[in-house]
Amino acid sequence: MTELRKILYVEDEADIREVARISLEMIGGFEVSICASGEQCLELAPEVKPDLIILDVMMPGMDGPDTLQLLKSIPSVANIPVVFMTAKVQSHEMDSYRCAGVLGVIAKPFDPMTLPDRLRELFFEPKVCSV
């Protein structure tokens, strides 16, 4: 992991998608692709080949953890780092998310002014599973 330029953001809520997109593009300078569902992510990720994927945990249909497991089964994207974004941030939930193979978890509501720096921190200094 040497560079973080392209991000694929997966979020079912349109207003949250827009706030995050503006934050990541305008403040972070990232190239951002957006998906509204896990299914769209599975289609778009191999095309976009992002440096990082941000997955909402709670989405209708296919949730973030299910999407993550399916991403890991696609060879061209299996090793792309993933960060979960969720309002469910109790310590046992956070540990289970990290142990599922994500770099980290960003709590909702997030601060749009610090989101890009937080992603860089997770990307370049990943945490390990503590369970």
N, C-alpha and C. Protein backbone atom coordinates (compact mmCIF):
# COMPACT_ATOMS: atom_id res chain seq x y z
N MET A 1 0.84 -1.18 0.00
CA MET A 1 0.00 0.00 0.00
C MET A 1 0.89 1.24 0.00
N THR A 2 1.05 1.81 -1.16
CA THR A 2 1.92 2.96 -1.24
C THR A 2 1.19 4.25 -1.59
N GLU A 3 0.01 4.14 -2.20
CA GLU A 3 -0.69 5.34 -2.63
C GLU A 3 -2.19 5.20 -2.37
N LEU A 4 -2.81 6.31 -2.02
CA LEU A 4 -4.25 6.34 -1.84
C LEU A 4 -4.79 7.48 -2.69
N ARG A 5 -5.32 7.12 -3.86
CA ARG A 5 -5.88 8.11 -4.78
C ARG A 5 -7.35 7.84 -5.07
N LYS A 6 -7.66 6.59 -5.39
CA LYS A 6 -9.00 6.23 -5.83
C LYS A 6 -9.77 5.51 -4.73
N ILE A 7 -10.98 6.02 -4.45
CA ILE A 7 -11.82 5.44 -3.41
C ILE A 7 -13.17 5.06 -4.00
N LEU A 8 -13.64 3.89 -3.64
CA LEU A 8 -15.00 3.46 -3.97
C LEU A 8 -15.80 3.53 -2.68
N TYR A 9 -16.86 4.36 -2.69
CA TYR A 9 -17.67 4.57 -1.50
C TYR A 9 -19.04 3.95 -1.71
N VAL A 10 -19.45 3.07 -0.79
CA VAL A 10 -20.71 2.34 -0.90
C VAL A 10 -21.60 2.74 0.27
N GLU A 11 -22.73 3.40 -0.07
CA GLU A 11 -23.64 3.94 0.95
C GLU A 11 -25.04 4.01 0.34
N ASP A 12 -26.03 3.50 1.05
CA ASP A 12 -27.39 3.51 0.52
C ASP A 12 -28.12 4.83 0.72
N GLU A 13 -27.67 5.69 1.62
CA GLU A 13 -28.33 6.96 1.90
C GLU A 13 -27.74 8.07 1.02
N ALA A 14 -28.58 8.65 0.14
CA ALA A 14 -28.11 9.63 -0.84
C ALA A 14 -27.45 10.86 -0.20
N ASP A 15 -28.03 11.37 0.90
CA ASP A 15 -27.46 12.57 1.51
C ASP A 15 -26.08 12.30 2.12
N ILE A 16 -25.91 11.13 2.72
CA ILE A 16 -24.61 10.78 3.30
C ILE A 16 -23.59 10.57 2.18
N ARG A 17 -24.02 9.92 1.09
CA ARG A 17 -23.13 9.73 -0.07
C ARG A 17 -22.61 11.07 -0.57
N GLU A 18 -23.49 12.06 -0.68
CA GLU A 18 -23.10 13.35 -1.22
C GLU A 18 -22.15 14.09 -0.30
N VAL A 19 -22.41 14.08 1.00
CA VAL A 19 -21.52 14.73 1.96
C VAL A 19 -20.14 14.08 1.91
N ALA A 20 -20.10 12.76 1.90
CA ALA A 20 -18.82 12.04 1.85
C ALA A 20 -18.09 12.31 0.54
N ARG A 21 -18.82 12.31 -0.57
CA ARG A 21 -18.19 12.56 -1.87
C ARG A 21 -17.54 13.94 -1.89
N ILE A 22 -18.27 14.95 -1.43
CA ILE A 22 -17.71 16.31 -1.41
C ILE A 22 -16.48 16.35 -0.51
N SER A 23 -16.56 15.74 0.66
CA SER A 23 -15.42 15.71 1.58
C SER A 23 -14.21 15.04 0.94
N LEU A 24 -14.44 13.88 0.37
CA LEU A 24 -13.32 13.11 -0.18
C LEU A 24 -12.71 13.77 -1.41
N GLU A 25 -13.53 14.38 -2.25
CA GLU A 25 -13.01 15.03 -3.46
C GLU A 25 -12.44 16.41 -3.17
N MET A 26 -13.22 17.25 -2.49
CA MET A 26 -12.81 18.65 -2.31
C MET A 26 -11.75 18.82 -1.22
N ILE A 27 -11.89 18.12 -0.11
CA ILE A 27 -10.93 18.27 0.98
C ILE A 27 -9.77 17.28 0.81
N GLY A 28 -10.11 16.03 0.45
CA GLY A 28 -9.09 15.00 0.36
C GLY A 28 -8.35 14.93 -0.97
N GLY A 29 -8.97 15.46 -2.03
CA GLY A 29 -8.35 15.39 -3.35
C GLY A 29 -8.39 14.01 -3.98
N PHE A 30 -9.29 13.15 -3.49
CA PHE A 30 -9.39 11.79 -4.01
C PHE A 30 -10.26 11.74 -5.26
N GLU A 31 -10.05 10.72 -6.06
CA GLU A 31 -10.94 10.36 -7.15
C GLU A 31 -11.95 9.39 -6.56
N VAL A 32 -13.24 9.74 -6.58
CA VAL A 32 -14.25 8.97 -5.87
C VAL A 32 -15.28 8.39 -6.83
N SER A 33 -15.54 7.10 -6.66
CA SER A 33 -16.65 6.44 -7.35
C SER A 33 -17.67 6.07 -6.28
N ILE A 34 -18.95 6.15 -6.64
CA ILE A 34 -20.02 5.97 -5.67
C ILE A 34 -20.91 4.80 -6.07
N CYS A 35 -21.31 4.00 -5.08
CA CYS A 35 -22.29 2.94 -5.26
C CYS A 35 -23.36 3.10 -4.20
N ALA A 36 -24.59 2.70 -4.54
CA ALA A 36 -25.69 2.80 -3.58
C ALA A 36 -26.01 1.46 -2.93
N SER A 37 -25.31 0.39 -3.32
CA SER A 37 -25.61 -0.93 -2.76
C SER A 37 -24.40 -1.84 -2.87
N GLY A 38 -24.46 -2.93 -2.09
CA GLY A 38 -23.41 -3.94 -2.17
C GLY A 38 -23.35 -4.57 -3.55
N GLU A 39 -24.50 -4.79 -4.15
CA GLU A 39 -24.54 -5.40 -5.48
C GLU A 39 -23.83 -4.52 -6.51
N GLN A 40 -24.08 -3.20 -6.45
CA GLN A 40 -23.40 -2.27 -7.36
C GLN A 40 -21.89 -2.29 -7.10
N CYS A 41 -21.50 -2.38 -5.86
CA CYS A 41 -20.08 -2.43 -5.51
C CYS A 41 -19.40 -3.63 -6.16
N LEU A 42 -20.05 -4.78 -6.11
CA LEU A 42 -19.46 -5.99 -6.70
C LEU A 42 -19.28 -5.85 -8.21
N GLU A 43 -20.16 -5.11 -8.85
CA GLU A 43 -20.04 -4.87 -10.29
C GLU A 43 -18.97 -3.83 -10.60
N LEU A 44 -18.94 -2.74 -9.81
CA LEU A 44 -18.08 -1.61 -10.12
C LEU A 44 -16.63 -1.78 -9.66
N ALA A 45 -16.42 -2.45 -8.55
CA ALA A 45 -15.07 -2.56 -7.98
C ALA A 45 -14.05 -3.14 -8.98
N PRO A 46 -14.36 -4.22 -9.70
CA PRO A 46 -13.37 -4.73 -10.66
C PRO A 46 -13.08 -3.76 -11.80
N GLU A 47 -14.05 -2.94 -12.17
CA GLU A 47 -13.85 -1.92 -13.22
C GLU A 47 -12.98 -0.79 -12.73
N VAL A 48 -13.32 -0.25 -11.55
CA VAL A 48 -12.67 0.94 -11.01
C VAL A 48 -11.28 0.61 -10.45
N LYS A 49 -11.14 -0.57 -9.85
CA LYS A 49 -9.92 -0.98 -9.15
C LYS A 49 -9.43 0.12 -8.20
N PRO A 50 -10.26 0.43 -7.20
CA PRO A 50 -9.89 1.50 -6.27
C PRO A 50 -8.73 1.09 -5.37
N ASP A 51 -8.12 2.09 -4.75
CA ASP A 51 -7.07 1.84 -3.77
C ASP A 51 -7.67 1.48 -2.41
N LEU A 52 -8.93 1.91 -2.19
CA LEU A 52 -9.62 1.69 -0.93
C LEU A 52 -11.13 1.65 -1.18
N ILE A 53 -11.82 0.78 -0.45
CA ILE A 53 -13.29 0.72 -0.52
C ILE A 53 -13.83 1.06 0.86
N ILE A 54 -14.81 1.97 0.89
CA ILE A 54 -15.52 2.30 2.12
C ILE A 54 -16.90 1.68 2.01
N LEU A 55 -17.25 0.82 2.96
CA LEU A 55 -18.54 0.13 2.95
C LEU A 55 -19.39 0.53 4.14
N ASP A 56 -20.62 0.96 3.84
CA ASP A 56 -21.61 1.15 4.89
C ASP A 56 -21.91 -0.25 5.45
N VAL A 57 -22.04 -0.38 6.75
CA VAL A 57 -22.32 -1.69 7.35
C VAL A 57 -23.78 -2.08 7.15
N MET A 58 -24.69 -1.16 7.44
CA MET A 58 -26.12 -1.50 7.38
C MET A 58 -26.73 -0.95 6.10
N MET A 59 -26.99 -1.85 5.14
CA MET A 59 -27.65 -1.49 3.89
C MET A 59 -28.73 -2.53 3.64
N PRO A 60 -29.83 -2.13 2.98
CA PRO A 60 -30.86 -3.10 2.63
C PRO A 60 -30.31 -4.12 1.64
N GLY A 61 -30.83 -5.32 1.68
CA GLY A 61 -30.34 -6.36 0.78
C GLY A 61 -29.01 -6.88 1.28
N MET A 62 -27.97 -6.58 0.56
CA MET A 62 -26.63 -7.04 0.90
C MET A 62 -25.95 -5.99 1.79
N ASP A 63 -25.64 -6.36 3.04
CA ASP A 63 -25.01 -5.41 3.95
C ASP A 63 -23.50 -5.36 3.72
N GLY A 64 -22.83 -4.51 4.48
CA GLY A 64 -21.39 -4.34 4.33
C GLY A 64 -20.58 -5.60 4.56
N PRO A 65 -20.81 -6.32 5.68
CA PRO A 65 -20.05 -7.56 5.90
C PRO A 65 -20.26 -8.60 4.79
N ASP A 66 -21.49 -8.74 4.30
CA ASP A 66 -21.74 -9.68 3.20
C ASP A 66 -21.02 -9.23 1.93
N THR A 67 -21.05 -7.93 1.66
CA THR A 67 -20.36 -7.39 0.48
C THR A 67 -18.87 -7.65 0.59
N LEU A 68 -18.32 -7.44 1.78
CA LEU A 68 -16.89 -7.68 2.00
C LEU A 68 -16.52 -9.12 1.69
N GLN A 69 -17.31 -10.06 2.18
CA GLN A 69 -17.01 -11.47 1.94
C GLN A 69 -17.03 -11.80 0.45
N LEU A 70 -18.00 -11.24 -0.26
CA LEU A 70 -18.07 -11.49 -1.71
C LEU A 70 -16.94 -10.80 -2.46
N LEU A 71 -16.54 -9.62 -2.02
CA LEU A 71 -15.38 -8.95 -2.64
C LEU A 71 -14.14 -9.81 -2.52
N LYS A 72 -13.97 -10.45 -1.37
CA LYS A 72 -12.79 -11.28 -1.13
C LYS A 72 -12.77 -12.52 -2.05
N SER A 73 -13.91 -12.85 -2.65
CA SER A 73 -13.96 -14.00 -3.56
C SER A 73 -13.70 -13.62 -5.02
N ILE A 74 -13.51 -12.32 -5.28
CA ILE A 74 -13.22 -11.85 -6.64
C ILE A 74 -11.72 -11.56 -6.72
N PRO A 75 -10.96 -12.39 -7.42
CA PRO A 75 -9.50 -12.26 -7.41
C PRO A 75 -8.96 -10.86 -7.72
N SER A 76 -9.57 -10.14 -8.65
CA SER A 76 -9.03 -8.83 -9.05
C SER A 76 -9.21 -7.75 -7.99
N VAL A 77 -10.08 -7.98 -7.01
CA VAL A 77 -10.32 -6.97 -5.97
C VAL A 77 -10.16 -7.52 -4.55
N ALA A 78 -9.82 -8.78 -4.44
CA ALA A 78 -9.78 -9.46 -3.13
C ALA A 78 -8.84 -8.79 -2.14
N ASN A 79 -7.78 -8.14 -2.62
CA ASN A 79 -6.79 -7.56 -1.71
C ASN A 79 -6.93 -6.06 -1.53
N ILE A 80 -7.99 -5.47 -2.06
CA ILE A 80 -8.20 -4.04 -1.87
C ILE A 80 -8.63 -3.80 -0.42
N PRO A 81 -7.95 -2.88 0.27
CA PRO A 81 -8.32 -2.60 1.66
C PRO A 81 -9.73 -2.03 1.76
N VAL A 82 -10.41 -2.38 2.86
CA VAL A 82 -11.79 -1.95 3.10
C VAL A 82 -11.88 -1.30 4.48
N VAL A 83 -12.67 -0.22 4.53
CA VAL A 83 -13.01 0.44 5.79
C VAL A 83 -14.52 0.40 5.91
N PHE A 84 -15.02 0.03 7.08
CA PHE A 84 -16.45 0.07 7.34
C PHE A 84 -16.83 1.44 7.88
N MET A 85 -18.04 1.89 7.55
CA MET A 85 -18.60 3.11 8.12
C MET A 85 -19.96 2.74 8.71
N THR A 86 -20.16 3.06 9.99
CA THR A 86 -21.38 2.61 10.66
C THR A 86 -21.70 3.43 11.89
N ALA A 87 -22.98 3.41 12.26
CA ALA A 87 -23.40 4.01 13.52
C ALA A 87 -23.30 3.00 14.66
N LYS A 88 -23.11 1.72 14.32
CA LYS A 88 -23.01 0.67 15.34
C LYS A 88 -21.54 0.54 15.75
N VAL A 89 -21.18 1.23 16.82
CA VAL A 89 -19.77 1.32 17.17
C VAL A 89 -19.45 0.92 18.62
N GLN A 90 -20.20 -0.02 19.17
CA GLN A 90 -19.82 -0.55 20.47
C GLN A 90 -18.54 -1.35 20.31
N SER A 91 -17.77 -1.47 21.38
CA SER A 91 -16.43 -2.06 21.25
C SER A 91 -16.46 -3.48 20.69
N HIS A 92 -17.42 -4.31 21.09
CA HIS A 92 -17.46 -5.68 20.57
C HIS A 92 -17.80 -5.68 19.07
N GLU A 93 -18.62 -4.72 18.63
CA GLU A 93 -18.93 -4.62 17.21
C GLU A 93 -17.69 -4.18 16.43
N MET A 94 -16.98 -3.19 16.96
CA MET A 94 -15.76 -2.69 16.31
C MET A 94 -14.74 -3.82 16.17
N ASP A 95 -14.55 -4.60 17.22
CA ASP A 95 -13.60 -5.71 17.16
C ASP A 95 -14.03 -6.74 16.12
N SER A 96 -15.31 -7.06 16.06
CA SER A 96 -15.76 -8.05 15.08
C SER A 96 -15.60 -7.53 13.66
N TYR A 97 -15.80 -6.22 13.45
CA TYR A 97 -15.59 -5.64 12.11
C TYR A 97 -14.12 -5.77 11.71
N ARG A 98 -13.23 -5.38 12.61
CA ARG A 98 -11.80 -5.46 12.28
C ARG A 98 -11.37 -6.91 12.03
N CYS A 99 -11.92 -7.83 12.81
CA CYS A 99 -11.57 -9.23 12.63
C CYS A 99 -12.17 -9.81 11.34
N ALA A 100 -13.14 -9.11 10.77
CA ALA A 100 -13.71 -9.54 9.49
C ALA A 100 -12.76 -9.20 8.34
N GLY A 101 -11.70 -8.45 8.66
CA GLY A 101 -10.71 -8.16 7.63
C GLY A 101 -10.70 -6.73 7.13
N VAL A 102 -11.28 -5.78 7.87
CA VAL A 102 -11.24 -4.38 7.44
C VAL A 102 -10.08 -3.66 8.12
N LEU A 103 -9.64 -2.57 7.50
CA LEU A 103 -8.57 -1.77 8.08
C LEU A 103 -9.01 -1.07 9.35
N GLY A 104 -10.27 -0.68 9.38
CA GLY A 104 -10.79 0.04 10.52
C GLY A 104 -12.24 0.40 10.31
N VAL A 105 -12.76 1.17 11.26
CA VAL A 105 -14.17 1.54 11.25
C VAL A 105 -14.26 3.03 11.52
N ILE A 106 -15.08 3.70 10.73
CA ILE A 106 -15.35 5.12 10.93
C ILE A 106 -16.79 5.23 11.42
N ALA A 107 -16.96 5.92 12.53
CA ALA A 107 -18.28 6.06 13.15
C ALA A 107 -19.11 7.11 12.41
N LYS A 108 -20.40 6.81 12.29
CA LYS A 108 -21.37 7.79 11.80
C LYS A 108 -22.06 8.39 13.02
N PRO A 109 -22.36 9.65 13.01
CA PRO A 109 -22.03 10.59 11.95
C PRO A 109 -20.53 10.89 11.96
N PHE A 110 -19.98 11.09 10.78
CA PHE A 110 -18.55 11.38 10.64
C PHE A 110 -18.38 12.89 10.42
N ASP A 111 -17.18 13.36 10.67
CA ASP A 111 -16.85 14.77 10.45
C ASP A 111 -16.29 14.90 9.03
N PRO A 112 -17.00 15.56 8.12
CA PRO A 112 -16.52 15.68 6.74
C PRO A 112 -15.16 16.38 6.63
N MET A 113 -14.84 17.23 7.59
CA MET A 113 -13.57 17.97 7.54
C MET A 113 -12.38 17.07 7.87
N THR A 114 -12.60 16.02 8.64
CA THR A 114 -11.49 15.15 9.03
C THR A 114 -11.53 13.77 8.36
N LEU A 115 -12.59 13.48 7.61
CA LEU A 115 -12.73 12.16 6.98
C LEU A 115 -11.54 11.78 6.11
N PRO A 116 -11.06 12.65 5.21
CA PRO A 116 -9.92 12.25 4.38
C PRO A 116 -8.67 11.89 5.20
N ASP A 117 -8.37 12.69 6.22
CA ASP A 117 -7.19 12.40 7.05
C ASP A 117 -7.37 11.09 7.82
N ARG A 118 -8.57 10.83 8.30
CA ARG A 118 -8.83 9.58 9.03
C ARG A 118 -8.63 8.37 8.10
N LEU A 119 -9.07 8.49 6.85
CA LEU A 119 -8.86 7.40 5.90
C LEU A 119 -7.39 7.18 5.61
N ARG A 120 -6.65 8.27 5.45
CA ARG A 120 -5.20 8.13 5.22
C ARG A 120 -4.53 7.44 6.41
N GLU A 121 -4.94 7.83 7.61
CA GLU A 121 -4.40 7.21 8.82
C GLU A 121 -4.66 5.70 8.82
N LEU A 122 -5.89 5.30 8.53
CA LEU A 122 -6.22 3.88 8.51
C LEU A 122 -5.48 3.15 7.39
N PHE A 123 -5.35 3.80 6.25
CA PHE A 123 -4.71 3.19 5.08
C PHE A 123 -3.23 2.92 5.32
N PHE A 124 -2.55 3.89 5.92
CA PHE A 124 -1.11 3.77 6.09
C PHE A 124 -0.68 3.18 7.43
N GLU A 125 -1.61 3.12 8.41
CA GLU A 125 -1.29 2.54 9.71
C GLU A 125 -2.42 1.62 10.15
N PRO A 126 -2.64 0.51 9.42
CA PRO A 126 -3.77 -0.36 9.76
C PRO A 126 -3.63 -0.98 11.14
N LYS A 127 -4.78 -1.20 11.77
CA LYS A 127 -4.83 -1.86 13.08
C LYS A 127 -5.03 -3.36 12.86
N VAL A 128 -4.61 -4.13 13.83
CA VAL A 128 -4.79 -5.58 13.73
C VAL A 128 -5.95 -6.02 14.61
N CYS A 129 -6.46 -7.18 14.32
CA CYS A 129 -7.55 -7.75 15.09
C CYS A 129 -7.07 -8.01 16.53
N SER A 130 -7.89 -7.57 17.50
CA SER A 130 -7.47 -7.73 18.90
C SER A 130 -8.22 -8.84 19.61
N VAL A 131 -9.01 -9.61 18.88
CA VAL A 131 -9.79 -10.69 19.52
C VAL A 131 -9.09 -12.01 19.31
